[in-house]
Amino acid sequence: MCALFVIVGLLIMGVGLHATRLNPHAAAPTWVVLSAGGLFSLAGLLMMSQRDPHSLRARLLIAAFFSVFAAVFGWVGLAPGPREFSSSASFVGVTATGHGHVLLGRVLFGGIGILVGVIALGAWYAFARTMLGRLGAALREVSAKNKGKIL
């Protein structure tokens, strides 16, 4: 299942890259399309890393996932330019669809982008603490082996 997410993400990135190259006036910039596909790949890698959720690799993937997620949603909600939103609701096999309200769509996407951006900052903080903690432990170990002498 994890590999499927990675493969689907890579396919989305490849198709998106090809489509944005064919149409330079596409609604979304190339980086947004690549980031959206990258979210799938990062999700697959993140699921694979959950065998050791406190590892440096897992923390890096978490921080990267939330950062890319925030960037895509932030672009949709906060970047200049026209946007189109649609809405749909389903209940007991009946689906209703319609045009979404642009301001509401921007507020929701922008707000979620900001919220996830704050979560991403926390994830980068946790990653940095883990990395610096391991670096400190490694330096203490080297120092202990050399009995405090400078290399």
Protein backbone atom coordinates (compact mmCIF):
# COMPACT_ATOMS: atom_id res chain seq x y z
CA MET A 1 0.00 0.00 0.00
CA CYS A 2 2.83 2.41 0.86
CA ALA A 3 4.56 1.79 -2.46
CA LEU A 4 1.26 2.46 -4.25
CA PHE A 5 1.13 5.95 -2.74
CA VAL A 6 4.70 6.62 -3.84
CA ILE A 7 4.00 5.38 -7.39
CA VAL A 8 0.73 7.33 -7.70
CA GLY A 9 2.52 10.46 -6.50
CA LEU A 10 5.26 10.01 -9.07
CA LEU A 11 2.66 9.45 -11.80
CA ILE A 12 0.79 12.62 -10.81
CA MET A 13 4.06 14.55 -10.85
CA GLY A 14 4.99 13.18 -14.27
CA VAL A 15 1.60 13.82 -15.85
CA GLY A 16 1.39 17.24 -14.21
CA LEU A 17 4.85 18.22 -15.38
CA HIS A 18 4.00 17.16 -18.92
CA ALA A 19 0.66 19.03 -18.84
CA THR A 20 2.13 22.27 -17.48
CA ARG A 21 4.93 22.15 -20.05
CA LEU A 22 2.36 21.76 -22.86
CA ASN A 23 0.27 24.64 -21.51
CA PRO A 24 2.47 27.37 -20.02
CA HIS A 25 -0.70 29.32 -19.12
CA ALA A 26 -2.08 26.51 -16.92
CA ALA A 27 -4.18 27.52 -13.92
CA ALA A 28 -1.56 26.25 -11.46
CA PRO A 29 2.19 26.78 -11.61
CA THR A 30 4.38 23.75 -12.16
CA TRP A 31 5.62 23.74 -8.55
CA VAL A 32 2.03 23.42 -7.26
CA VAL A 33 1.32 20.45 -9.52
CA LEU A 34 4.59 18.76 -8.57
CA SER A 35 3.93 19.47 -4.89
CA ALA A 36 0.45 17.98 -5.05
CA GLY A 37 1.85 14.76 -6.53
CA GLY A 38 4.72 14.89 -4.07
CA LEU A 39 2.22 14.81 -1.21
CA PHE A 40 1.15 11.33 -2.28
CA SER A 41 4.74 10.15 -2.50
CA LEU A 42 5.60 11.70 0.86
CA ALA A 43 2.53 10.06 2.40
CA GLY A 44 3.70 6.66 1.15
CA LEU A 45 7.23 7.22 2.46
CA LEU A 46 5.79 8.47 5.73
CA MET A 47 3.72 5.31 6.14
CA MET A 48 6.85 3.24 5.49
CA SER A 49 8.76 5.19 8.14
CA GLN A 50 6.22 4.42 10.88
CA ARG A 51 8.07 1.27 11.86
CA ASP A 52 10.27 3.70 13.79
CA PRO A 53 8.16 6.89 14.18
CA HIS A 54 10.75 8.68 16.32
CA SER A 55 13.57 8.20 13.83
CA LEU A 56 15.26 11.16 12.23
CA ARG A 57 13.97 10.02 8.82
CA ALA A 58 10.37 9.86 10.05
CA ARG A 59 10.60 13.32 11.60
CA LEU A 60 12.08 14.74 8.39
CA LEU A 61 9.30 13.20 6.30
CA ILE A 62 6.64 14.55 8.68
CA ALA A 63 8.08 18.06 8.49
CA ALA A 64 8.38 17.88 4.69
CA PHE A 65 4.82 16.53 4.30
CA PHE A 66 3.25 19.30 6.40
CA SER A 67 5.38 21.96 4.67
CA VAL A 68 4.34 20.89 1.18
CA PHE A 69 0.71 20.50 2.27
CA ALA A 70 0.74 24.03 3.71
CA ALA A 71 2.37 25.43 0.56
CA VAL A 72 -0.26 23.92 -1.77
CA PHE A 73 -3.23 24.96 0.35
CA GLY A 74 -1.68 28.38 0.97
CA TRP A 75 -1.25 28.92 -2.77
CA VAL A 76 -4.87 27.97 -3.47
CA GLY A 77 -6.21 30.23 -0.73
CA LEU A 78 -3.79 33.14 -0.56
CA ALA A 79 -1.97 33.57 -3.89
CA PRO A 80 -3.27 36.15 -6.37
CA GLY A 81 -5.18 35.09 -9.44
CA PRO A 82 -8.56 33.62 -10.30
CA ARG A 83 -9.77 30.47 -8.57
CA GLU A 84 -12.77 28.23 -9.13
CA PHE A 85 -14.30 26.08 -6.42
CA SER A 86 -17.06 23.51 -6.51
CA SER A 87 -19.04 21.87 -3.77
CA SER A 88 -20.74 18.53 -3.47
CA ALA A 89 -22.66 16.61 -0.85
CA SER A 90 -23.76 12.99 -0.78
CA PHE A 91 -26.32 11.23 1.37
CA VAL A 92 -27.68 7.70 0.88
CA GLY A 93 -26.50 7.47 -2.70
CA VAL A 94 -27.81 10.90 -3.72
CA THR A 95 -25.22 13.49 -4.70
CA ALA A 96 -25.75 17.21 -5.14
CA THR A 97 -23.11 19.40 -6.77
CA GLY A 98 -22.80 23.10 -7.41
CA HIS A 99 -20.47 26.02 -7.84
CA GLY A 100 -18.60 26.98 -4.71
CA HIS A 101 -18.25 30.47 -3.32
CA VAL A 102 -14.82 31.89 -4.20
CA LEU A 103 -14.34 33.87 -0.98
CA LEU A 104 -15.38 30.92 1.20
CA GLY A 105 -13.07 28.60 -0.74
CA ARG A 106 -10.14 31.00 -0.38
CA VAL A 107 -10.78 31.47 3.34
CA LEU A 108 -11.01 27.73 3.96
CA PHE A 109 -7.97 26.80 1.89
CA GLY A 110 -5.94 29.76 3.15
CA GLY A 111 -6.90 29.10 6.76
CA ILE A 112 -6.03 25.42 6.50
CA GLY A 113 -2.76 26.37 4.79
CA ILE A 114 -1.84 28.69 7.67
CA LEU A 115 -2.86 26.14 10.32
CA VAL A 116 -0.88 23.35 8.66
CA GLY A 117 2.04 25.79 8.25
CA VAL A 118 2.10 26.24 12.03
CA ILE A 119 2.04 22.45 12.43
CA ALA A 120 4.93 22.25 9.93
CA LEU A 121 6.95 24.69 12.06
CA GLY A 122 6.40 22.44 15.06
CA ALA A 123 7.45 19.41 13.02
CA TRP A 124 10.66 21.17 11.89
CA TYR A 125 11.33 22.11 15.52
CA ALA A 126 10.93 18.46 16.58
CA PHE A 127 13.20 17.37 13.73
CA ALA A 128 15.88 19.90 14.71
CA ARG A 129 15.70 18.87 18.38
CA THR A 130 16.07 15.21 17.45
CA MET A 131 18.95 15.93 15.09
CA LEU A 132 20.78 18.17 17.57
CA GLY A 133 20.15 15.70 20.38
CA ARG A 134 21.71 12.90 18.40
CA LEU A 135 24.60 15.12 17.36
CA GLY A 136 25.20 16.05 21.00
CA ALA A 137 25.11 12.39 22.03
CA ALA A 138 27.60 11.50 19.30
CA LEU A 139 29.93 14.32 20.37
CA ARG A 140 29.71 13.24 24.02
CA GLU A 141 30.56 9.68 22.99
CA VAL A 142 33.59 10.83 20.98
CA SER A 143 34.68 13.06 23.85
CA ALA A 144 34.35 10.18 26.31
CA LYS A 145 36.44 7.91 24.09
CA ASN A 146 39.15 10.57 23.86
CA LYS A 147 38.88 11.33 27.60
CA GLY A 148 37.91 14.94 26.93
CA LYS A 149 40.86 15.72 24.67
CA ILE A 150 40.28 17.87 21.64
CA LEU A 151 40.72 16.00 18.39
